Every structure is written in C-alpha cells, then in structure tokens.
Amino acid sequence: IVSCLPLEFRGSDPSLRRNMESVLEGLMNAPGN
C-alpha cells in the first residue's frame, strides 16, 4: 500500500512512513474498517 503512495510516504520521511503504517493498521483493525 505504501509503495503506491507519494514519495514522502515511501521513505523520504521515516517518521511520516511510520505514521502512515499506524493509520493503515487502525483502519484495518477497526470494526467494519
């Protein structure tokens, strides 16, 4: 999923990449997504 996002989420900013992964996990783990 992250590889399909803009460059700043793909590694240019490591903290922003971690934030994106946390947001994705929150969406996937939520009831009904």
PDB file of all heavy atoms in Angstrom:
ATOM      1  N   ILE A   1       0.835  -1.206   0.000  1.00  0.00           N
ATOM      2  CA  ILE A   1       0.000   0.000   0.000  1.00  0.00           C
ATOM      3  C   ILE A   1       0.870   1.256   0.000  1.00  0.00           C
ATOM      4  O   ILE A   1       0.627   2.206  -0.746  1.00  0.00           O
ATOM      5  CB  ILE A   1      -0.948  -0.022   1.218  1.00  0.00           C
ATOM      6  CG1 ILE A   1      -1.921  -1.208   1.100  1.00  0.00           C
ATOM      7  CG2 ILE A   1      -1.709   1.287   1.324  1.00  0.00           C
ATOM      8  CD1 ILE A   1      -2.743  -1.431   2.350  1.00  0.00           C
ATOM      9  N   VAL A   2       1.887   1.246   0.861  1.00  0.00           N
ATOM     10  CA  VAL A   2       2.745   2.434   0.966  1.00  0.00           C
ATOM     11  C   VAL A   2       3.490   2.696  -0.344  1.00  0.00           C
ATOM     12  O   VAL A   2       3.753   3.840  -0.723  1.00  0.00           O
ATOM     13  CB  VAL A   2       3.736   2.272   2.139  1.00  0.00           C
ATOM     14  CG1 VAL A   2       4.755   3.403   2.144  1.00  0.00           C
ATOM     15  CG2 VAL A   2       2.980   2.258   3.463  1.00  0.00           C
ATOM     16  N   SER A   3       3.849   1.650  -1.076  1.00  0.00           N
ATOM     17  CA  SER A   3       4.566   1.823  -2.339  1.00  0.00           C
ATOM     18  C   SER A   3       3.713   2.518  -3.396  1.00  0.00           C
ATOM     19  O   SER A   3       4.255   3.019  -4.391  1.00  0.00           O
ATOM     20  CB  SER A   3       5.028   0.463  -2.865  1.00  0.00           C
ATOM     21  OG  SER A   3       3.913  -0.376  -3.153  1.00  0.00           O
ATOM     22  N   CYS A   4       2.389   2.560  -3.196  1.00  0.00           N
ATOM     23  CA  CYS A   4       1.505   3.240  -4.137  1.00  0.00           C
ATOM     24  C   CYS A   4       1.242   4.700  -3.758  1.00  0.00           C
ATOM     25  O   CYS A   4       0.545   5.406  -4.491  1.00  0.00           O
ATOM     26  CB  CYS A   4       0.166   2.506  -4.236  1.00  0.00           C
ATOM     27  SG  CYS A   4       0.303   0.798  -4.797  1.00  0.00           S
ATOM     28  N   LEU A   5       1.788   5.136  -2.622  1.00  0.00           N
ATOM     29  CA  LEU A   5       1.550   6.489  -2.141  1.00  0.00           C
ATOM     30  C   LEU A   5       2.661   7.427  -2.625  1.00  0.00           C
ATOM     31  O   LEU A   5       3.659   6.979  -3.192  1.00  0.00           O
ATOM     32  CB  LEU A   5       1.484   6.482  -0.611  1.00  0.00           C
ATOM     33  CG  LEU A   5       0.327   5.653  -0.013  1.00  0.00           C
ATOM     34  CD1 LEU A   5       0.409   5.657   1.491  1.00  0.00           C
ATOM     35  CD2 LEU A   5      -1.024   6.176  -0.482  1.00  0.00           C
ATOM     36  N   PRO A   6       2.520   8.730  -2.413  1.00  0.00           N
ATOM     37  CA  PRO A   6       3.565   9.678  -2.826  1.00  0.00           C
ATOM     38  C   PRO A   6       4.916   9.376  -2.180  1.00  0.00           C
ATOM     39  O   PRO A   6       5.015   8.628  -1.211  1.00  0.00           O
ATOM     40  CB  PRO A   6       3.017  11.038  -2.377  1.00  0.00           C
ATOM     41  CG  PRO A   6       1.533  10.854  -2.373  1.00  0.00           C
ATOM     42  CD  PRO A   6       1.301   9.433  -1.954  1.00  0.00           C
ATOM     43  N   LEU A   7       5.955  10.002  -2.731  1.00  0.00           N
ATOM     44  CA  LEU A   7       7.327   9.701  -2.334  1.00  0.00           C
ATOM     45  C   LEU A   7       7.583  10.010  -0.869  1.00  0.00           C
ATOM     46  O   LEU A   7       8.338   9.278  -0.203  1.00  0.00           O
ATOM     47  CB  LEU A   7       8.301  10.512  -3.204  1.00  0.00           C
ATOM     48  CG  LEU A   7       9.794  10.313  -2.916  1.00  0.00           C
ATOM     49  CD1 LEU A   7      10.188   8.871  -3.138  1.00  0.00           C
ATOM     50  CD2 LEU A   7      10.624  11.238  -3.771  1.00  0.00           C
ATOM     51  N   GLU A   8       6.978  11.040  -0.324  1.00  0.00           N
ATOM     52  CA  GLU A   8       7.261  11.402   1.062  1.00  0.00           C
ATOM     53  C   GLU A   8       6.797  10.326   2.041  1.00  0.00           C
ATOM     54  O   GLU A   8       7.333  10.234   3.145  1.00  0.00           O
ATOM     55  CB  GLU A   8       6.570  12.726   1.394  1.00  0.00           C
ATOM     56  CG  GLU A   8       5.062  12.710   1.162  1.00  0.00           C
ATOM     57  CD  GLU A   8       4.436  14.055   1.473  1.00  0.00           C
ATOM     58  OE1 GLU A   8       5.105  14.863   2.170  1.00  0.00           O
ATOM     59  OE2 GLU A   8       3.317  14.307   1.026  1.00  0.00           O
ATOM     60  N   PHE A   9       5.860   9.493   1.630  1.00  0.00           N
ATOM     61  CA  PHE A   9       5.417   8.404   2.499  1.00  0.00           C
ATOM     62  C   PHE A   9       6.208   7.125   2.266  1.00  0.00           C
ATOM     63  O   PHE A   9       6.036   6.159   3.021  1.00  0.00           O
ATOM     64  CB  PHE A   9       3.928   8.111   2.257  1.00  0.00           C
ATOM     65  CG  PHE A   9       3.028   9.253   2.607  1.00  0.00           C
ATOM     66  CD1 PHE A   9       2.568  10.114   1.632  1.00  0.00           C
ATOM     67  CD2 PHE A   9       2.647   9.489   3.917  1.00  0.00           C
ATOM     68  CE1 PHE A   9       1.737  11.176   1.936  1.00  0.00           C
ATOM     69  CE2 PHE A   9       1.810  10.548   4.240  1.00  0.00           C
ATOM     70  CZ  PHE A   9       1.364  11.399   3.250  1.00  0.00           C
ATOM     71  N   ARG A  10       7.052   7.104   1.206  1.00  0.00           N
ATOM     72  CA  ARG A  10       7.744   5.866   0.866  1.00  0.00           C
ATOM     73  C   ARG A  10       9.164   5.797   1.401  1.00  0.00           C
ATOM     74  O   ARG A  10       9.902   4.901   1.029  1.00  0.00           O
ATOM     75  CB  ARG A  10       7.798   5.707  -0.663  1.00  0.00           C
ATOM     76  CG  ARG A  10       6.430   5.629  -1.308  1.00  0.00           C
ATOM     77  CD  ARG A  10       6.505   4.971  -2.672  1.00  0.00           C
ATOM     78  NE  ARG A  10       7.411   5.626  -3.580  1.00  0.00           N
ATOM     79  CZ  ARG A  10       7.049   6.555  -4.461  1.00  0.00           C
ATOM     80  NH1 ARG A  10       5.787   6.942  -4.506  1.00  0.00           N
ATOM     81  NH2 ARG A  10       7.930   7.098  -5.276  1.00  0.00           N
ATOM     82  N   GLY A  11       9.557   6.760   2.232  1.00  0.00           N
ATOM     83  CA  GLY A  11      10.876   6.649   2.833  1.00  0.00           C
ATOM     84  C   GLY A  11      11.633   7.938   2.933  1.00  0.00           C
ATOM     85  O   GLY A  11      12.634   8.004   3.651  1.00  0.00           O
ATOM     86  N   SER A  12      11.211   8.992   2.206  1.00  0.00           N
ATOM     87  CA  SER A  12      11.928  10.247   2.333  1.00  0.00           C
ATOM     88  C   SER A  12      11.789  10.835   3.731  1.00  0.00           C
ATOM     89  O   SER A  12      12.661  11.550   4.203  1.00  0.00           O
ATOM     90  CB  SER A  12      11.424  11.244   1.287  1.00  0.00           C
ATOM     91  OG  SER A  12      10.032  11.496   1.492  1.00  0.00           O
ATOM     92  N   ASP A  13      10.659  10.524   4.393  1.00  0.00           N
ATOM     93  CA  ASP A  13      10.452  10.948   5.779  1.00  0.00           C
ATOM     94  C   ASP A  13      10.087   9.695   6.586  1.00  0.00           C
ATOM     95  O   ASP A  13       8.935   9.253   6.571  1.00  0.00           O
ATOM     96  CB  ASP A  13       9.349  11.994   5.850  1.00  0.00           C
ATOM     97  CG  ASP A  13       9.226  12.618   7.241  1.00  0.00           C
ATOM     98  OD1 ASP A  13       9.904  12.131   8.160  1.00  0.00           O
ATOM     99  OD2 ASP A  13       8.456  13.585   7.388  1.00  0.00           O
ATOM    100  N   PRO A  14      11.045   9.081   7.303  1.00  0.00           N
ATOM    101  CA  PRO A  14      10.765   7.822   8.018  1.00  0.00           C
ATOM    102  C   PRO A  14       9.650   7.951   9.038  1.00  0.00           C
ATOM    103  O   PRO A  14       8.829   7.036   9.200  1.00  0.00           O
ATOM    104  CB  PRO A  14      12.108   7.485   8.681  1.00  0.00           C
ATOM    105  CG  PRO A  14      13.129   8.198   7.850  1.00  0.00           C
ATOM    106  CD  PRO A  14      12.467   9.457   7.394  1.00  0.00           C
ATOM    107  N   SER A  15       9.604   9.074   9.755  1.00  0.00           N
ATOM    108  CA  SER A  15       8.549   9.234  10.762  1.00  0.00           C
ATOM    109  C   SER A  15       7.167   9.288  10.106  1.00  0.00           C
ATOM    110  O   SER A  15       6.194   8.723  10.635  1.00  0.00           O
ATOM    111  CB  SER A  15       8.804  10.510  11.568  1.00  0.00           C
ATOM    112  OG  SER A  15       8.784  11.651  10.716  1.00  0.00           O
ATOM    113  N   LEU A  16       7.087   9.952   8.929  1.00  0.00           N
ATOM    114  CA  LEU A  16       5.809  10.010   8.235  1.00  0.00           C
ATOM    115  C   LEU A  16       5.401   8.624   7.730  1.00  0.00           C
ATOM    116  O   LEU A  16       4.210   8.286   7.721  1.00  0.00           O
ATOM    117  CB  LEU A  16       5.905  10.992   7.069  1.00  0.00           C
ATOM    118  CG  LEU A  16       4.601  11.330   6.347  1.00  0.00           C
ATOM    119  CD1 LEU A  16       3.589  11.921   7.313  1.00  0.00           C
ATOM    120  CD2 LEU A  16       4.853  12.315   5.209  1.00  0.00           C
ATOM    121  N   ARG A  17       6.357   7.811   7.350  1.00  0.00           N
ATOM    122  CA  ARG A  17       6.041   6.446   6.923  1.00  0.00           C
ATOM    123  C   ARG A  17       5.485   5.635   8.093  1.00  0.00           C
ATOM    124  O   ARG A  17       4.504   4.890   7.938  1.00  0.00           O
ATOM    125  CB  ARG A  17       7.301   5.778   6.358  1.00  0.00           C
ATOM    126  CG  ARG A  17       7.066   4.336   5.896  1.00  0.00           C
ATOM    127  CD  ARG A  17       8.366   3.668   5.502  1.00  0.00           C
ATOM    128  NE  ARG A  17       8.156   2.274   5.146  1.00  0.00           N
ATOM    129  CZ  ARG A  17       7.926   1.834   3.922  1.00  0.00           C
ATOM    130  NH1 ARG A  17       7.866   2.696   2.928  1.00  0.00           N
ATOM    131  NH2 ARG A  17       7.743   0.555   3.680  1.00  0.00           N
ATOM    132  N   ARG A  18       6.091   5.792   9.280  1.00  0.00           N
ATOM    133  CA  ARG A  18       5.569   5.082  10.461  1.00  0.00           C
ATOM    134  C   ARG A  18       4.161   5.550  10.793  1.00  0.00           C
ATOM    135  O   ARG A  18       3.292   4.740  11.175  1.00  0.00           O
ATOM    136  CB  ARG A  18       6.506   5.313  11.643  1.00  0.00           C
ATOM    137  CG  ARG A  18       7.858   4.614  11.515  1.00  0.00           C
ATOM    138  CD  ARG A  18       8.584   4.593  12.843  1.00  0.00           C
ATOM    139  NE  ARG A  18       8.847   5.942  13.325  1.00  0.00           N
ATOM    140  CZ  ARG A  18       9.944   6.637  13.051  1.00  0.00           C
ATOM    141  NH1 ARG A  18      10.891   6.094  12.275  1.00  0.00           N
ATOM    142  NH2 ARG A  18      10.124   7.847  13.526  1.00  0.00           N
ATOM    143  N   ASN A  19       3.927   6.859  10.665  1.00  0.00           N
ATOM    144  CA  ASN A  19       2.574   7.359  10.922  1.00  0.00           C
ATOM    145  C   ASN A  19       1.565   6.770   9.944  1.00  0.00           C
ATOM    146  O   ASN A  19       0.439   6.408  10.332  1.00  0.00           O
ATOM    147  CB  ASN A  19       2.563   8.884  10.811  1.00  0.00           C
ATOM    148  CG  ASN A  19       3.438   9.556  11.845  1.00  0.00           C
ATOM    149  OD1 ASN A  19       3.997  10.617  11.620  1.00  0.00           O
ATOM    150  ND2 ASN A  19       3.607   8.935  13.010  1.00  0.00           N
ATOM    151  N   MET A  20       1.952   6.653   8.657  1.00  0.00           N
ATOM    152  CA  MET A  20       1.063   6.078   7.670  1.00  0.00           C
ATOM    153  C   MET A  20       0.760   4.615   7.988  1.00  0.00           C
ATOM    154  O   MET A  20      -0.396   4.160   7.878  1.00  0.00           O
ATOM    155  CB  MET A  20       1.675   6.213   6.279  1.00  0.00           C
ATOM    156  CG  MET A  20       0.847   5.573   5.161  1.00  0.00           C
ATOM    157  SD  MET A  20      -0.840   6.241   5.009  1.00  0.00           S
ATOM    158  CE  MET A  20      -0.475   7.838   4.295  1.00  0.00           C
ATOM    159  N   GLU A  21       1.773   3.881   8.393  1.00  0.00           N
ATOM    160  CA  GLU A  21       1.543   2.468   8.756  1.00  0.00           C
ATOM    161  C   GLU A  21       0.612   2.352   9.965  1.00  0.00           C
ATOM    162  O   GLU A  21      -0.265   1.465  10.000  1.00  0.00           O
ATOM    163  CB  GLU A  21       2.880   1.797   9.048  1.00  0.00           C
ATOM    164  CG  GLU A  21       3.761   1.634   7.804  1.00  0.00           C
ATOM    165  CD  GLU A  21       5.096   1.008   8.140  1.00  0.00           C
ATOM    166  OE1 GLU A  21       5.376   0.834   9.351  1.00  0.00           O
ATOM    167  OE2 GLU A  21       5.873   0.695   7.206  1.00  0.00           O
ATOM    168  N   SER A  22       0.755   3.252  10.941  1.00  0.00           N
ATOM    169  CA  SER A  22      -0.141   3.226  12.107  1.00  0.00           C
ATOM    170  C   SER A  22      -1.578   3.540  11.704  1.00  0.00           C
ATOM    171  O   SER A  22      -2.536   2.905  12.178  1.00  0.00           O
ATOM    172  CB  SER A  22       0.349   4.234  13.161  1.00  0.00           C
ATOM    173  OG  SER A  22       1.654   3.919  13.600  1.00  0.00           O
ATOM    174  N   VAL A  23      -1.739   4.536  10.793  1.00  0.00           N
ATOM    175  CA  VAL A  23      -3.094   4.882  10.332  1.00  0.00           C
ATOM    176  C   VAL A  23      -3.704   3.712   9.565  1.00  0.00           C
ATOM    177  O   VAL A  23      -4.894   3.383   9.735  1.00  0.00           O
ATOM    178  CB  VAL A  23      -3.036   6.149   9.468  1.00  0.00           C
ATOM    179  CG1 VAL A  23      -4.381   6.399   8.793  1.00  0.00           C
ATOM    180  CG2 VAL A  23      -2.650   7.360  10.297  1.00  0.00           C
ATOM    181  N   LEU A  24      -2.913   3.043   8.723  1.00  0.00           N
ATOM    182  CA  LEU A  24      -3.427   1.903   7.963  1.00  0.00           C
ATOM    183  C   LEU A  24      -3.827   0.762   8.894  1.00  0.00           C
ATOM    184  O   LEU A  24      -4.879   0.117   8.697  1.00  0.00           O
ATOM    185  CB  LEU A  24      -2.364   1.442   6.969  1.00  0.00           C
ATOM    186  CG  LEU A  24      -2.095   2.381   5.788  1.00  0.00           C
ATOM    187  CD1 LEU A  24      -0.907   1.872   4.980  1.00  0.00           C
ATOM    188  CD2 LEU A  24      -3.316   2.477   4.890  1.00  0.00           C
ATOM    189  N   GLU A  25      -3.028   0.483   9.908  1.00  0.00           N
ATOM    190  CA  GLU A  25      -3.379  -0.563  10.864  1.00  0.00           C
ATOM    191  C   GLU A  25      -4.650  -0.219  11.624  1.00  0.00           C
ATOM    192  O   GLU A  25      -5.509  -1.081  11.886  1.00  0.00           O
ATOM    193  CB  GLU A  25      -2.227  -0.797  11.829  1.00  0.00           C
ATOM    194  CG  GLU A  25      -1.018  -1.475  11.196  1.00  0.00           C
ATOM    195  CD  GLU A  25       0.086  -1.715  12.200  1.00  0.00           C
ATOM    196  OE1 GLU A  25      -0.055  -1.243  13.347  1.00  0.00           O
ATOM    197  OE2 GLU A  25       1.095  -2.347  11.843  1.00  0.00           O
ATOM    198  N   GLY A  26      -4.808   1.079  11.992  1.00  0.00           N
ATOM    199  CA  GLY A  26      -6.031   1.488  12.677  1.00  0.00           C
ATOM    200  C   GLY A  26      -7.255   1.305  11.803  1.00  0.00           C
ATOM    201  O   GLY A  26      -8.321   0.884  12.283  1.00  0.00           O
ATOM    202  N   LEU A  27      -7.117   1.607  10.486  1.00  0.00           N
ATOM    203  CA  LEU A  27      -8.253   1.413   9.582  1.00  0.00           C
ATOM    204  C   LEU A  27      -8.568  -0.061   9.387  1.00  0.00           C
ATOM    205  O   LEU A  27      -9.751  -0.472   9.360  1.00  0.00           O
ATOM    206  CB  LEU A  27      -7.949   2.067   8.233  1.00  0.00           C
ATOM    207  CG  LEU A  27      -7.951   3.600   8.188  1.00  0.00           C
ATOM    208  CD1 LEU A  27      -7.344   4.092   6.878  1.00  0.00           C
ATOM    209  CD2 LEU A  27      -9.371   4.132   8.332  1.00  0.00           C
ATOM    210  N   MET A  28      -7.530  -0.882   9.242  1.00  0.00           N
ATOM    211  CA  MET A  28      -7.753  -2.319   9.012  1.00  0.00           C
ATOM    212  C   MET A  28      -8.278  -3.033  10.255  1.00  0.00           C
ATOM    213  O   MET A  28      -9.049  -3.990  10.140  1.00  0.00           O
ATOM    214  CB  MET A  28      -6.450  -2.966   8.546  1.00  0.00           C
ATOM    215  CG  MET A  28      -5.980  -2.495   7.184  1.00  0.00           C
ATOM    216  SD  MET A  28      -4.407  -3.252   6.734  1.00  0.00           S
ATOM    217  CE  MET A  28      -4.117  -2.513   5.129  1.00  0.00           C
ATOM    218  N   ASN A  29      -7.871  -2.568  11.454  1.00  0.00           N
ATOM    219  CA  ASN A  29      -8.294  -3.243  12.680  1.00  0.00           C
ATOM    220  C   ASN A  29      -9.644  -2.766  13.176  1.00  0.00           C
ATOM    221  O   ASN A  29     -10.241  -3.403  14.061  1.00  0.00           O
ATOM    222  CB  ASN A  29      -7.247  -3.023  13.780  1.00  0.00           C
ATOM    223  CG  ASN A  29      -5.917  -3.668  13.427  1.00  0.00           C
ATOM    224  OD1 ASN A  29      -5.874  -4.637  12.665  1.00  0.00           O
ATOM    225  ND2 ASN A  29      -4.834  -3.154  13.993  1.00  0.00           N
ATOM    226  N   ALA A  30     -10.150  -1.625  12.626  1.00  0.00           N
ATOM    227  CA  ALA A  30     -11.423  -1.088  13.097  1.00  0.00           C
ATOM    228  C   ALA A  30     -12.574  -1.978  12.634  1.00  0.00           C
ATOM    229  O   ALA A  30     -12.514  -2.579  11.552  1.00  0.00           O
ATOM    230  CB  ALA A  30     -11.606   0.324  12.573  1.00  0.00           C
ATOM    231  N   PRO A  31     -13.634  -2.068  13.426  1.00  0.00           N
ATOM    232  CA  PRO A  31     -14.813  -2.836  13.014  1.00  0.00           C
ATOM    233  C   PRO A  31     -15.439  -2.232  11.771  1.00  0.00           C
ATOM    234  O   PRO A  31     -15.696  -1.034  11.719  1.00  0.00           O
ATOM    235  CB  PRO A  31     -15.749  -2.713  14.218  1.00  0.00           C
ATOM    236  CG  PRO A  31     -14.861  -2.383  15.365  1.00  0.00           C
ATOM    237  CD  PRO A  31     -13.751  -1.559  14.804  1.00  0.00           C
ATOM    238  N   GLY A  32     -15.604  -3.053  10.774  1.00  0.00           N
ATOM    239  CA  GLY A  32     -16.153  -2.569   9.513  1.00  0.00           C
ATOM    240  C   GLY A  32     -15.176  -1.713   8.742  1.00  0.00           C
ATOM    241  O   GLY A  32     -15.572  -1.066   7.776  1.00  0.00           O
ATOM    242  N   ASN A  33     -13.930  -1.694   9.188  1.00  0.00           N
ATOM    243  CA  ASN A  33     -12.894  -0.872   8.538  1.00  0.00           C
ATOM    244  C   ASN A  33     -13.315   0.586   8.425  1.00  0.00           C
ATOM    245  O   ASN A  33     -12.990   1.273   7.461  1.00  0.00           O
ATOM    246  CB  ASN A  33     -12.552  -1.423   7.158  1.00  0.00           C
ATOM    247  CG  ASN A  33     -11.911  -2.793   7.212  1.00  0.00           C
ATOM    248  OD1 ASN A  33     -11.315  -3.170   8.222  1.00  0.00           O
ATOM    249  ND2 ASN A  33     -12.049  -3.560   6.141  1.00  0.00           N
TER     250      ASN A  33
END
